[in-house]
Amino acid sequence: MKSVLLIGATVGALASGSAMAADLARPAPAAAPVAQPAPVFSWTGFYIGGNAGYSWGSGSGALGGVNGDGWLAGGQIGYNYQFQNNVLVGLEADIQGGDVSGGALGLDSKLDYLGTVRARVGYAFDRVLPYVTGGLAYGRNTITDYGFESANTHVGWTAGAGIEYALTNNWTARAEYLYTDLGSKTYDNIGTDVGVTSSTARLGINYKF
């Protein structure tokens, strides 16, 4: 009887040991991968790009009855800095040329080119950036009075607003409106001061470094 019990205990011990060895040999289940949050886009950096749009405006003084309009296109370069609270400040310079012109009663006016140097302030909602902008504006305007031509470079101010969207980590697109007051200058061929103002709606694309 004792022999039978001893044999049973031995068999049980061997079986238990084999089960433990099998459990030890079995690989542990793999841990579930931890999801990584998507990186937040940053607007900080230099950029360069191009723009195109439509401009319309009016003159004052001798150009009081002349309302010029037309298409323009050009380029811009700038730098943005985004703070940790998502407020953005930046500086941008641009220049455009095109065919913004108008005439009445033998008097014609044409804006040969238009440029600005502006500050930008915005708030970044990840890849969406609404902003306001304003600063210095300059442009060269030519007046023709019955074949006699005179040109002046005007310096004034501009202000506006826009919204920009990051298409990728490097490419962004924007829509923007600017109001520009170029002040007044005296034109020799008409012998009087002329003021030039304009509104511009334009689209642009930038490459961010």
N, C-alpha and C. Protein backbone atom coordinates (compact mmCIF):
# COMPACT_ATOMS: atom_id res chain seq x y z
N MET A 1 0.82 -1.20 0.00
CA MET A 1 0.00 0.00 0.00
C MET A 1 0.86 1.25 0.00
N LYS A 2 1.89 1.21 0.86
CA LYS A 2 2.80 2.36 0.91
C LYS A 2 3.49 2.57 -0.43
N SER A 3 3.79 1.49 -1.11
CA SER A 3 4.44 1.60 -2.42
C SER A 3 3.52 2.28 -3.41
N VAL A 4 2.23 1.93 -3.37
CA VAL A 4 1.26 2.54 -4.29
C VAL A 4 1.15 4.03 -4.06
N LEU A 5 1.07 4.42 -2.75
CA LEU A 5 0.98 5.85 -2.42
C LEU A 5 2.23 6.59 -2.86
N LEU A 6 3.41 6.00 -2.66
CA LEU A 6 4.67 6.63 -3.03
C LEU A 6 4.76 6.84 -4.53
N ILE A 7 4.30 5.81 -5.27
CA ILE A 7 4.33 5.93 -6.73
C ILE A 7 3.38 7.03 -7.18
N GLY A 8 2.17 7.13 -6.54
CA GLY A 8 1.20 8.17 -6.92
C GLY A 8 1.73 9.56 -6.64
N ALA A 9 2.39 9.73 -5.49
CA ALA A 9 2.95 11.04 -5.14
C ALA A 9 4.04 11.44 -6.11
N THR A 10 4.84 10.46 -6.51
CA THR A 10 5.94 10.75 -7.44
C THR A 10 5.41 11.17 -8.79
N VAL A 11 4.38 10.46 -9.27
CA VAL A 11 3.77 10.79 -10.56
C VAL A 11 3.15 12.19 -10.51
N GLY A 12 2.46 12.50 -9.39
CA GLY A 12 1.84 13.82 -9.25
C GLY A 12 2.88 14.92 -9.25
N ALA A 13 3.99 14.70 -8.57
CA ALA A 13 5.05 15.72 -8.52
C ALA A 13 5.65 15.94 -9.89
N LEU A 14 5.87 14.83 -10.61
CA LEU A 14 6.43 14.96 -11.95
C LEU A 14 5.47 15.72 -12.87
N ALA A 15 4.16 15.42 -12.77
CA ALA A 15 3.18 16.10 -13.62
C ALA A 15 3.12 17.59 -13.31
N SER A 16 3.16 17.91 -11.99
CA SER A 16 3.12 19.34 -11.60
C SER A 16 4.35 20.07 -12.09
N GLY A 17 5.50 19.41 -11.99
CA GLY A 17 6.74 20.03 -12.46
C GLY A 17 6.73 20.25 -13.95
N SER A 18 6.18 19.30 -14.70
CA SER A 18 6.11 19.45 -16.15
C SER A 18 5.21 20.62 -16.54
N ALA A 19 4.07 20.76 -15.80
CA ALA A 19 3.16 21.87 -16.10
C ALA A 19 3.82 23.21 -15.81
N MET A 20 4.56 23.29 -14.69
CA MET A 20 5.26 24.55 -14.36
C MET A 20 6.32 24.86 -15.40
N ALA A 21 7.04 23.84 -15.86
CA ALA A 21 8.06 24.07 -16.89
C ALA A 21 7.44 24.55 -18.18
N ALA A 22 6.27 23.99 -18.51
CA ALA A 22 5.59 24.42 -19.74
C ALA A 22 5.14 25.87 -19.63
N ASP A 23 4.65 26.25 -18.41
CA ASP A 23 4.23 27.65 -18.21
C ASP A 23 5.41 28.59 -18.31
N LEU A 24 6.56 28.18 -17.76
CA LEU A 24 7.75 29.03 -17.83
C LEU A 24 8.25 29.16 -19.26
N ALA A 25 8.12 28.09 -20.04
CA ALA A 25 8.62 28.12 -21.42
C ALA A 25 7.71 28.93 -22.34
N ARG A 26 6.41 29.07 -21.96
CA ARG A 26 5.46 29.78 -22.83
C ARG A 26 5.78 31.28 -22.81
N PRO A 27 5.92 31.94 -23.98
CA PRO A 27 6.25 33.38 -23.99
C PRO A 27 5.12 34.23 -23.42
N ALA A 28 5.49 35.29 -22.73
CA ALA A 28 4.49 36.20 -22.16
C ALA A 28 3.78 36.95 -23.29
N PRO A 29 2.49 37.25 -23.11
CA PRO A 29 1.76 37.98 -24.16
C PRO A 29 2.38 39.36 -24.40
N ALA A 30 2.44 39.76 -25.69
CA ALA A 30 3.04 41.05 -26.04
C ALA A 30 2.17 42.20 -25.52
N ALA A 31 2.84 43.25 -25.04
CA ALA A 31 2.12 44.43 -24.53
C ALA A 31 1.51 45.20 -25.69
N ALA A 32 0.34 45.73 -25.48
CA ALA A 32 -0.33 46.51 -26.51
C ALA A 32 0.46 47.78 -26.79
N PRO A 33 0.64 48.16 -28.06
CA PRO A 33 1.40 49.37 -28.38
C PRO A 33 0.73 50.62 -27.82
N VAL A 34 1.56 51.55 -27.33
CA VAL A 34 1.04 52.81 -26.78
C VAL A 34 0.89 53.81 -27.91
N ALA A 35 -0.30 54.36 -28.07
CA ALA A 35 -0.56 55.33 -29.14
C ALA A 35 0.20 56.63 -28.85
N GLN A 36 0.95 57.10 -29.86
CA GLN A 36 1.68 58.35 -29.73
C GLN A 36 0.83 59.51 -30.23
N PRO A 37 0.72 60.59 -29.45
CA PRO A 37 -0.07 61.73 -29.92
C PRO A 37 0.56 62.38 -31.14
N ALA A 38 -0.27 62.85 -32.05
CA ALA A 38 0.24 63.52 -33.25
C ALA A 38 0.98 64.80 -32.86
N PRO A 39 2.14 65.06 -33.47
CA PRO A 39 2.88 66.26 -33.12
C PRO A 39 2.10 67.52 -33.47
N VAL A 40 2.17 68.53 -32.60
CA VAL A 40 1.49 69.80 -32.84
C VAL A 40 2.30 70.63 -33.83
N PHE A 41 1.63 71.18 -34.83
CA PHE A 41 2.31 71.98 -35.85
C PHE A 41 2.80 73.29 -35.25
N SER A 42 3.99 73.71 -35.64
CA SER A 42 4.54 74.99 -35.20
C SER A 42 4.73 75.91 -36.40
N TRP A 43 4.31 77.17 -36.25
CA TRP A 43 4.44 78.17 -37.30
C TRP A 43 5.78 78.89 -37.24
N THR A 44 6.60 78.62 -36.26
CA THR A 44 7.86 79.33 -36.12
C THR A 44 8.81 79.02 -37.28
N GLY A 45 9.40 80.07 -37.86
CA GLY A 45 10.38 79.88 -38.91
C GLY A 45 10.27 80.90 -40.03
N PHE A 46 11.26 80.88 -40.91
CA PHE A 46 11.27 81.73 -42.09
C PHE A 46 10.41 81.10 -43.19
N TYR A 47 9.89 81.95 -44.08
CA TYR A 47 9.11 81.45 -45.21
C TYR A 47 9.27 82.39 -46.39
N ILE A 48 8.97 81.86 -47.57
CA ILE A 48 8.99 82.63 -48.81
C ILE A 48 7.87 82.12 -49.69
N GLY A 49 7.26 83.01 -50.48
CA GLY A 49 6.14 82.56 -51.29
C GLY A 49 5.70 83.56 -52.33
N GLY A 50 4.55 83.30 -52.92
CA GLY A 50 3.99 84.16 -53.96
C GLY A 50 2.53 84.45 -53.70
N ASN A 51 2.01 85.48 -54.38
CA ASN A 51 0.62 85.85 -54.19
C ASN A 51 0.05 86.43 -55.49
N ALA A 52 -1.25 86.43 -55.59
CA ALA A 52 -1.95 87.04 -56.72
C ALA A 52 -3.32 87.46 -56.25
N GLY A 53 -3.82 88.58 -56.81
CA GLY A 53 -5.13 89.04 -56.37
C GLY A 53 -5.64 90.18 -57.21
N TYR A 54 -6.67 90.82 -56.69
CA TYR A 54 -7.36 91.90 -57.39
C TYR A 54 -7.38 93.14 -56.50
N SER A 55 -7.11 94.30 -57.10
CA SER A 55 -7.05 95.55 -56.36
C SER A 55 -8.01 96.57 -56.98
N TRP A 56 -8.65 97.33 -56.12
CA TRP A 56 -9.53 98.40 -56.59
C TRP A 56 -9.38 99.59 -55.63
N GLY A 57 -9.52 100.80 -56.17
CA GLY A 57 -9.33 101.95 -55.32
C GLY A 57 -9.81 103.23 -55.95
N SER A 58 -9.40 104.33 -55.35
CA SER A 58 -9.83 105.63 -55.83
C SER A 58 -8.72 106.65 -55.59
N GLY A 59 -8.79 107.75 -56.31
CA GLY A 59 -7.84 108.83 -56.14
C GLY A 59 -8.49 110.03 -55.47
N SER A 60 -7.68 110.97 -55.06
CA SER A 60 -8.18 112.21 -54.50
C SER A 60 -7.49 113.37 -55.21
N GLY A 61 -7.96 114.59 -54.96
CA GLY A 61 -7.41 115.73 -55.67
C GLY A 61 -7.81 115.67 -57.13
N ALA A 62 -6.84 115.82 -58.01
CA ALA A 62 -7.11 115.77 -59.45
C ALA A 62 -7.61 114.41 -59.90
N LEU A 63 -7.37 113.37 -59.09
CA LEU A 63 -7.83 112.02 -59.43
C LEU A 63 -9.16 111.69 -58.77
N GLY A 64 -9.88 112.70 -58.31
CA GLY A 64 -11.12 112.45 -57.60
C GLY A 64 -12.14 111.66 -58.39
N GLY A 65 -12.11 111.75 -59.70
CA GLY A 65 -13.06 111.01 -60.51
C GLY A 65 -12.49 109.76 -61.13
N VAL A 66 -11.28 109.39 -60.74
CA VAL A 66 -10.61 108.23 -61.34
C VAL A 66 -10.59 107.09 -60.33
N ASN A 67 -11.22 105.98 -60.67
CA ASN A 67 -11.25 104.79 -59.83
C ASN A 67 -10.52 103.66 -60.55
N GLY A 68 -9.32 103.39 -60.11
CA GLY A 68 -8.52 102.35 -60.76
C GLY A 68 -8.80 100.97 -60.20
N ASP A 69 -8.62 99.95 -61.02
CA ASP A 69 -8.71 98.57 -60.57
C ASP A 69 -7.92 97.68 -61.51
N GLY A 70 -7.71 96.44 -61.08
CA GLY A 70 -6.98 95.50 -61.92
C GLY A 70 -6.31 94.41 -61.11
N TRP A 71 -5.66 93.49 -61.83
CA TRP A 71 -4.99 92.35 -61.23
C TRP A 71 -3.55 92.70 -60.89
N LEU A 72 -3.04 92.02 -59.86
CA LEU A 72 -1.63 92.16 -59.51
C LEU A 72 -1.11 90.83 -58.96
N ALA A 73 0.21 90.67 -59.00
CA ALA A 73 0.85 89.45 -58.50
C ALA A 73 2.26 89.78 -58.06
N GLY A 74 2.78 88.99 -57.13
CA GLY A 74 4.13 89.25 -56.63
C GLY A 74 4.58 88.19 -55.65
N GLY A 75 5.48 88.57 -54.76
CA GLY A 75 6.04 87.62 -53.81
C GLY A 75 6.22 88.23 -52.44
N GLN A 76 6.44 87.36 -51.46
CA GLN A 76 6.64 87.81 -50.08
C GLN A 76 7.68 86.94 -49.39
N ILE A 77 8.27 87.51 -48.33
CA ILE A 77 9.22 86.80 -47.49
C ILE A 77 8.98 87.25 -46.06
N GLY A 78 9.13 86.35 -45.11
CA GLY A 78 8.85 86.74 -43.74
C GLY A 78 9.34 85.74 -42.71
N TYR A 79 9.06 86.08 -41.45
CA TYR A 79 9.44 85.21 -40.32
C TYR A 79 8.32 85.25 -39.29
N ASN A 80 7.97 84.08 -38.75
CA ASN A 80 6.98 83.95 -37.68
C ASN A 80 7.62 83.39 -36.43
N TYR A 81 7.10 83.82 -35.27
CA TYR A 81 7.48 83.18 -34.01
C TYR A 81 6.21 82.88 -33.24
N GLN A 82 6.03 81.60 -32.89
CA GLN A 82 4.85 81.16 -32.16
C GLN A 82 5.21 80.89 -30.70
N PHE A 83 4.55 81.59 -29.77
CA PHE A 83 4.78 81.39 -28.35
C PHE A 83 4.07 80.13 -27.86
N GLN A 84 4.39 79.69 -26.64
CA GLN A 84 3.80 78.46 -26.10
C GLN A 84 2.30 78.58 -25.91
N ASN A 85 1.80 79.80 -25.74
CA ASN A 85 0.35 80.00 -25.60
C ASN A 85 -0.36 80.14 -26.94
N ASN A 86 0.36 79.84 -28.05
CA ASN A 86 -0.16 79.84 -29.43
C ASN A 86 -0.33 81.22 -30.04
N VAL A 87 0.02 82.27 -29.33
CA VAL A 87 0.05 83.60 -29.93
C VAL A 87 1.24 83.68 -30.89
N LEU A 88 1.02 84.28 -32.04
CA LEU A 88 2.06 84.36 -33.06
C LEU A 88 2.34 85.83 -33.39
N VAL A 89 3.62 86.15 -33.53
CA VAL A 89 4.02 87.46 -34.05
C VAL A 89 4.96 87.22 -35.23
N GLY A 90 4.89 88.11 -36.22
CA GLY A 90 5.73 87.93 -37.39
C GLY A 90 5.99 89.24 -38.10
N LEU A 91 6.90 89.18 -39.04
CA LEU A 91 7.25 90.33 -39.88
C LEU A 91 7.32 89.85 -41.32
N GLU A 92 6.70 90.62 -42.23
CA GLU A 92 6.65 90.23 -43.64
C GLU A 92 6.88 91.42 -44.54
N ALA A 93 7.58 91.18 -45.64
CA ALA A 93 7.77 92.19 -46.70
C ALA A 93 7.31 91.58 -48.01
N ASP A 94 6.62 92.39 -48.84
CA ASP A 94 6.15 91.89 -50.13
C ASP A 94 6.21 92.99 -51.17
N ILE A 95 6.15 92.59 -52.43
CA ILE A 95 6.08 93.54 -53.54
C ILE A 95 5.29 92.90 -54.67
N GLN A 96 4.42 93.71 -55.32
CA GLN A 96 3.55 93.23 -56.39
C GLN A 96 3.57 94.21 -57.55
N GLY A 97 3.36 93.68 -58.73
CA GLY A 97 3.17 94.49 -59.92
C GLY A 97 1.97 93.99 -60.68
N GLY A 98 1.46 94.80 -61.61
CA GLY A 98 0.31 94.36 -62.37
C GLY A 98 -0.28 95.47 -63.21
N ASP A 99 -1.57 95.43 -63.40
CA ASP A 99 -2.27 96.42 -64.22
C ASP A 99 -3.44 96.99 -63.42
N VAL A 100 -3.13 97.84 -62.44
CA VAL A 100 -4.15 98.51 -61.64
C VAL A 100 -4.23 99.94 -62.16
N SER A 101 -5.26 100.24 -62.93
CA SER A 101 -5.30 101.53 -63.61
C SER A 101 -6.73 101.98 -63.83
N GLY A 102 -6.87 103.27 -64.16
CA GLY A 102 -8.17 103.84 -64.47
C GLY A 102 -7.99 105.21 -65.10
N GLY A 103 -9.04 105.74 -65.70
CA GLY A 103 -8.93 107.04 -66.35
C GLY A 103 -10.28 107.70 -66.54
N ALA A 104 -10.22 109.04 -66.74
CA ALA A 104 -11.43 109.80 -67.01
C ALA A 104 -11.04 111.16 -67.59
N LEU A 105 -11.73 111.58 -68.65
CA LEU A 105 -11.56 112.91 -69.24
C LEU A 105 -10.10 113.22 -69.60
N GLY A 106 -9.44 112.24 -70.22
CA GLY A 106 -8.07 112.45 -70.67
C GLY A 106 -7.00 112.27 -69.62
N LEU A 107 -7.41 111.99 -68.37
CA LEU A 107 -6.47 111.80 -67.26
C LEU A 107 -6.44 110.32 -66.90
N ASP A 108 -5.26 109.71 -67.00
CA ASP A 108 -5.10 108.29 -66.69
C ASP A 108 -4.12 108.11 -65.53
N SER A 109 -4.40 107.11 -64.69
CA SER A 109 -3.55 106.80 -63.54
C SER A 109 -3.26 105.30 -63.53
N LYS A 110 -2.01 104.93 -63.27
CA LYS A 110 -1.63 103.52 -63.23
C LYS A 110 -0.66 103.29 -62.07
N LEU A 111 -1.00 102.32 -61.23
CA LEU A 111 -0.12 101.92 -60.14
C LEU A 111 0.88 100.90 -60.68
N ASP A 112 2.13 101.32 -60.83
CA ASP A 112 3.15 100.46 -61.46
C ASP A 112 3.54 99.29 -60.57
N TYR A 113 3.71 99.55 -59.27
CA TYR A 113 3.99 98.47 -58.32
C TYR A 113 3.54 98.91 -56.94
N LEU A 114 3.38 97.93 -56.07
CA LEU A 114 2.92 98.17 -54.70
C LEU A 114 3.66 97.22 -53.77
N GLY A 115 4.21 97.74 -52.69
CA GLY A 115 4.92 96.91 -51.72
C GLY A 115 4.55 97.29 -50.29
N THR A 116 4.77 96.37 -49.36
CA THR A 116 4.50 96.63 -47.95
C THR A 116 5.59 95.99 -47.09
N VAL A 117 5.76 96.54 -45.89
CA VAL A 117 6.54 95.92 -44.82
C VAL A 117 5.64 95.94 -43.59
N ARG A 118 5.21 94.76 -43.14
CA ARG A 118 4.13 94.68 -42.16
C ARG A 118 4.46 93.76 -41.00
N ALA A 119 3.89 94.09 -39.82
CA ALA A 119 3.87 93.17 -38.69
C ALA A 119 2.62 92.30 -38.80
N ARG A 120 2.70 91.08 -38.27
CA ARG A 120 1.54 90.19 -38.22
C ARG A 120 1.37 89.70 -36.78
N VAL A 121 0.11 89.67 -36.32
CA VAL A 121 -0.21 89.12 -35.00
C VAL A 121 -1.39 88.17 -35.18
N GLY A 122 -1.24 86.94 -34.70
CA GLY A 122 -2.31 85.97 -34.86
C GLY A 122 -2.38 85.00 -33.71
N TYR A 123 -3.31 84.07 -33.81
CA TYR A 123 -3.46 83.00 -32.81
C TYR A 123 -3.60 81.69 -33.56
N ALA A 124 -2.71 80.75 -33.27
CA ALA A 124 -2.66 79.49 -34.01
C ALA A 124 -3.59 78.45 -33.39
N PHE A 125 -4.54 77.96 -34.18
CA PHE A 125 -5.34 76.79 -33.81
C PHE A 125 -4.74 75.60 -34.55
N ASP A 126 -3.60 75.12 -34.04
CA ASP A 126 -2.83 74.07 -34.69
C ASP A 126 -2.44 74.52 -36.10
N ARG A 127 -3.09 74.00 -37.15
CA ARG A 127 -2.71 74.33 -38.53
C ARG A 127 -3.50 75.50 -39.12
N VAL A 128 -4.39 76.08 -38.36
CA VAL A 128 -5.18 77.22 -38.82
C VAL A 128 -4.72 78.48 -38.10
N LEU A 129 -4.43 79.54 -38.88
CA LEU A 129 -3.88 80.76 -38.31
C LEU A 129 -4.66 81.99 -38.80
N PRO A 130 -5.62 82.50 -38.02
CA PRO A 130 -6.20 83.81 -38.34
C PRO A 130 -5.27 84.91 -37.81
N TYR A 131 -5.19 86.03 -38.51
CA TYR A 131 -4.26 87.08 -38.09
C TYR A 131 -4.72 88.45 -38.57
N VAL A 132 -4.16 89.47 -37.92
CA VAL A 132 -4.30 90.86 -38.37
C VAL A 132 -2.90 91.35 -38.73
N THR A 133 -2.84 92.36 -39.58
CA THR A 133 -1.55 92.81 -40.07
C THR A 133 -1.60 94.30 -40.39
N GLY A 134 -0.44 94.96 -40.31
CA GLY A 134 -0.40 96.38 -40.65
C GLY A 134 1.03 96.89 -40.65
N GLY A 135 1.24 98.00 -41.36
CA GLY A 135 2.57 98.59 -41.40
C GLY A 135 2.75 99.58 -42.53
N LEU A 136 3.96 99.64 -43.06
CA LEU A 136 4.35 100.59 -44.10
C LEU A 136 3.93 100.08 -45.48
N ALA A 137 3.50 101.03 -46.33
CA ALA A 137 3.18 100.71 -47.72
C ALA A 137 3.87 101.72 -48.63
N TYR A 138 4.25 101.27 -49.81
CA TYR A 138 4.88 102.16 -50.78
C TYR A 138 4.47 101.71 -52.18
N GLY A 139 4.48 102.63 -53.12
CA GLY A 139 4.12 102.28 -54.49
C GLY A 139 4.47 103.40 -55.45
N ARG A 140 4.65 103.03 -56.69
CA ARG A 140 4.95 104.00 -57.74
C ARG A 140 3.73 104.14 -58.63
N ASN A 141 3.29 105.40 -58.79
CA ASN A 141 2.10 105.68 -59.58
C ASN A 141 2.45 106.62 -60.73
N THR A 142 1.87 106.36 -61.89
CA THR A 142 2.11 107.20 -63.07
C THR A 142 0.80 107.83 -63.54
N ILE A 143 0.84 109.13 -63.76
CA ILE A 143 -0.33 109.85 -64.27
C ILE A 143 -0.01 110.39 -65.66
N THR A 144 -0.93 110.16 -66.59
CA THR A 144 -0.80 110.66 -67.96
C THR A 144 -1.95 111.64 -68.22
N ASP A 145 -1.59 112.87 -68.59
CA ASP A 145 -2.58 113.92 -68.85
C ASP A 145 -2.47 114.34 -70.31
N TYR A 146 -3.36 113.79 -71.16
CA TYR A 146 -3.35 114.09 -72.60
C TYR A 146 -1.95 113.90 -73.20
N GLY A 147 -1.33 112.77 -72.87
CA GLY A 147 -0.03 112.40 -73.43
C GLY A 147 1.17 112.84 -72.62
N PHE A 148 1.00 113.75 -71.65
CA PHE A 148 2.11 114.19 -70.80
C PHE A 148 2.14 113.33 -69.53
N GLU A 149 3.28 112.70 -69.29
CA GLU A 149 3.37 111.69 -68.24
C GLU A 149 4.25 112.17 -67.09
N SER A 150 3.86 111.82 -65.87
CA SER A 150 4.64 112.11 -64.68
C SER A 150 4.45 110.97 -63.68
N ALA A 151 5.50 110.60 -62.94
CA ALA A 151 5.43 109.48 -62.00
C ALA A 151 5.98 109.91 -60.64
N ASN A 152 5.47 109.31 -59.59
CA ASN A 152 5.92 109.57 -58.23
C ASN A 152 5.90 108.27 -57.42
N THR A 153 6.81 108.20 -56.46
CA THR A 153 6.80 107.10 -55.49
C THR A 153 6.10 107.58 -54.22
N HIS A 154 5.01 106.92 -53.87
CA HIS A 154 4.23 107.27 -52.68
C HIS A 154 4.64 106.37 -51.51
N VAL A 155 4.55 106.92 -50.30
CA VAL A 155 4.78 106.14 -49.08
C VAL A 155 3.62 106.41 -48.13
N GLY A 156 3.02 105.36 -47.62
CA GLY A 156 1.89 105.50 -46.72
C GLY A 156 1.78 104.33 -45.76
N TRP A 157 0.57 103.84 -45.55
CA TRP A 157 0.35 102.76 -44.57
C TRP A 157 -0.66 101.75 -45.12
N THR A 158 -0.68 100.60 -44.48
CA THR A 158 -1.62 99.55 -44.87
C THR A 158 -2.06 98.78 -43.64
N ALA A 159 -3.26 98.21 -43.67
CA ALA A 159 -3.77 97.38 -42.58
C ALA A 159 -4.75 96.38 -43.15
N GLY A 160 -4.86 95.23 -42.50
CA GLY A 160 -5.78 94.22 -43.00
C GLY A 160 -5.82 93.00 -42.12
N ALA A 161 -6.33 91.91 -42.67
CA ALA A 161 -6.48 90.67 -41.93
C ALA A 161 -6.46 89.51 -42.91
N GLY A 162 -6.24 88.31 -42.36
CA GLY A 162 -6.22 87.13 -43.22
C GLY A 162 -6.32 85.86 -42.43
N ILE A 163 -6.32 84.76 -43.14
CA ILE A 163 -6.31 83.43 -42.52
C ILE A 163 -5.39 82.53 -43.34
N GLU A 164 -4.57 81.74 -42.64
CA GLU A 164 -3.59 80.88 -43.30
C GLU A 164 -3.75 79.46 -42.79
N TYR A 165 -3.51 78.49 -43.67
CA TYR A 165 -3.67 77.08 -43.32
C TYR A 165 -2.44 76.30 -43.75
N ALA A 166 -1.94 75.45 -42.86
CA ALA A 166 -0.77 74.63 -43.16
C ALA A 166 -1.21 73.37 -43.89
N LEU A 167 -0.90 73.30 -45.19
CA LEU A 167 -1.26 72.14 -45.99
C LEU A 167 -0.41 70.93 -45.62
N THR A 168 0.88 71.17 -45.40
CA THR A 168 1.83 70.15 -44.94
C THR A 168 2.71 70.82 -43.89
N ASN A 169 3.77 70.15 -43.47
CA ASN A 169 4.68 70.76 -42.50
C ASN A 169 5.49 71.89 -43.12
N ASN A 170 5.52 71.99 -44.45
CA ASN A 170 6.31 73.03 -45.11
C ASN A 170 5.48 74.00 -45.96
N TRP A 171 4.35 73.55 -46.51
CA TRP A 171 3.56 74.40 -47.41
C TRP A 171 2.33 74.93 -46.71
N THR A 172 2.09 76.25 -46.86
CA THR A 172 0.90 76.89 -46.31
C THR A 172 0.21 77.70 -47.40
N ALA A 173 -1.10 77.89 -47.23
CA ALA A 173 -1.89 78.70 -48.16
C ALA A 173 -2.67 79.73 -47.37
N ARG A 174 -2.94 80.88 -47.98
CA ARG A 174 -3.62 81.96 -47.26
C ARG A 174 -4.57 82.74 -48.16
N ALA A 175 -5.52 83.41 -47.50
CA ALA A 175 -6.38 84.42 -48.12
C ALA A 175 -6.25 85.68 -47.27
N GLU A 176 -6.17 86.84 -47.94
CA GLU A 176 -5.82 88.07 -47.22
C GLU A 176 -6.49 89.28 -47.84
N TYR A 177 -6.86 90.25 -47.00
CA TYR A 177 -7.38 91.54 -47.45
C TYR A 177 -6.52 92.65 -46.86
N LEU A 178 -6.18 93.64 -47.69
CA LEU A 178 -5.40 94.80 -47.24
C LEU A 178 -6.04 96.09 -47.74
N TYR A 179 -6.13 97.08 -46.86
CA TYR A 179 -6.49 98.43 -47.26
C TYR A 179 -5.21 99.26 -47.23
N THR A 180 -4.97 100.04 -48.28
CA THR A 180 -3.72 100.79 -48.41
C THR A 180 -4.01 102.26 -48.71
N ASP A 181 -3.35 103.13 -47.96
CA ASP A 181 -3.41 104.57 -48.21
C ASP A 181 -1.99 105.04 -48.50
N LEU A 182 -1.72 105.41 -49.75
CA LEU A 182 -0.37 105.80 -50.15
C LEU A 182 -0.10 107.30 -50.02
N GLY A 183 -1.00 108.03 -49.39
CA GLY A 183 -0.76 109.45 -49.22
C GLY A 183 -0.84 110.21 -50.54
N SER A 184 -0.34 111.44 -50.54
CA SER A 184 -0.44 112.28 -51.74
C SER A 184 0.92 112.80 -52.17
N LYS A 185 1.03 113.06 -53.46
CA LYS A 185 2.24 113.62 -54.07
C LYS A 185 1.82 114.64 -55.14
N THR A 186 2.73 115.61 -55.42
CA THR A 186 2.49 116.58 -56.48
C THR A 186 3.05 116.06 -57.80
N TYR A 187 2.20 116.05 -58.83
CA TYR A 187 2.61 115.59 -60.16
C TYR A 187 2.84 116.80 -61.06
N ASP A 188 4.02 116.82 -61.69
CA ASP A 188 4.44 117.99 -62.47
C ASP A 188 3.51 118.27 -63.64
N ASN A 189 3.01 117.21 -64.28
CA ASN A 189 2.22 117.45 -65.51
C ASN A 189 0.83 118.03 -65.23
N ILE A 190 0.35 117.88 -63.99
CA ILE A 190 -0.94 118.48 -63.66
C ILE A 190 -0.80 119.56 -62.59
N GLY A 191 0.38 119.68 -61.99
CA GLY A 191 0.67 120.76 -61.06
C GLY A 191 -0.14 120.77 -59.79
N THR A 192 -0.55 119.60 -59.31
CA THR A 192 -1.33 119.54 -58.08
C THR A 192 -1.10 118.21 -57.36
N ASP A 193 -1.53 118.16 -56.09
CA ASP A 193 -1.39 116.94 -55.30
C ASP A 193 -2.41 115.89 -55.69
N VAL A 194 -1.98 114.66 -55.65
CA VAL A 194 -2.84 113.52 -55.96
C VAL A 194 -2.66 112.46 -54.88
N GLY A 195 -3.76 111.95 -54.34
CA GLY A 195 -3.72 110.87 -53.37
C GLY A 195 -4.18 109.56 -53.98
N VAL A 196 -3.65 108.46 -53.46
CA VAL A 196 -3.99 107.13 -54.00
C VAL A 196 -4.32 106.19 -52.85
N THR A 197 -5.50 105.57 -52.89
CA THR A 197 -5.88 104.54 -51.92
C THR A 197 -6.34 103.30 -52.69
N SER A 198 -6.26 102.15 -52.03
CA SER A 198 -6.70 100.92 -52.70
C SER A 198 -7.08 99.87 -51.68
N SER A 199 -7.91 98.93 -52.12
CA SER A 199 -8.22 97.71 -51.38
C SER A 199 -7.75 96.54 -52.22
N THR A 200 -7.19 95.54 -51.56
CA THR A 200 -6.65 94.38 -52.27
C THR A 200 -7.12 93.09 -51.60
N ALA A 201 -7.67 92.19 -52.39
CA ALA A 201 -8.00 90.84 -51.94
C ALA A 201 -7.11 89.88 -52.72
N ARG A 202 -6.40 89.01 -52.00
CA ARG A 202 -5.45 88.15 -52.70
C ARG A 202 -5.30 86.79 -52.01
N LEU A 203 -4.80 85.84 -52.78
CA LEU A 203 -4.46 84.51 -52.30
C LEU A 203 -2.95 84.33 -52.38
N GLY A 204 -2.41 83.53 -51.48
CA GLY A 204 -0.98 83.31 -51.49
C GLY A 204 -0.61 81.91 -51.06
N ILE A 205 0.61 81.52 -51.37
CA ILE A 205 1.15 80.24 -50.93
C ILE A 205 2.58 80.46 -50.48
N ASN A 206 2.98 79.77 -49.40
CA ASN A 206 4.30 79.94 -48.81
C ASN A 206 4.99 78.60 -48.59
N TYR A 207 6.32 78.63 -48.65
CA TYR A 207 7.13 77.48 -48.24
C TYR A 207 7.84 77.85 -46.96
N LYS A 208 7.58 77.10 -45.88
CA LYS A 208 8.18 77.36 -44.58
C LYS A 208 9.41 76.50 -44.37
N PHE A 209 10.52 77.11 -44.01
CA PHE A 209 11.78 76.39 -43.82
C PHE A 209 11.83 75.80 -42.40
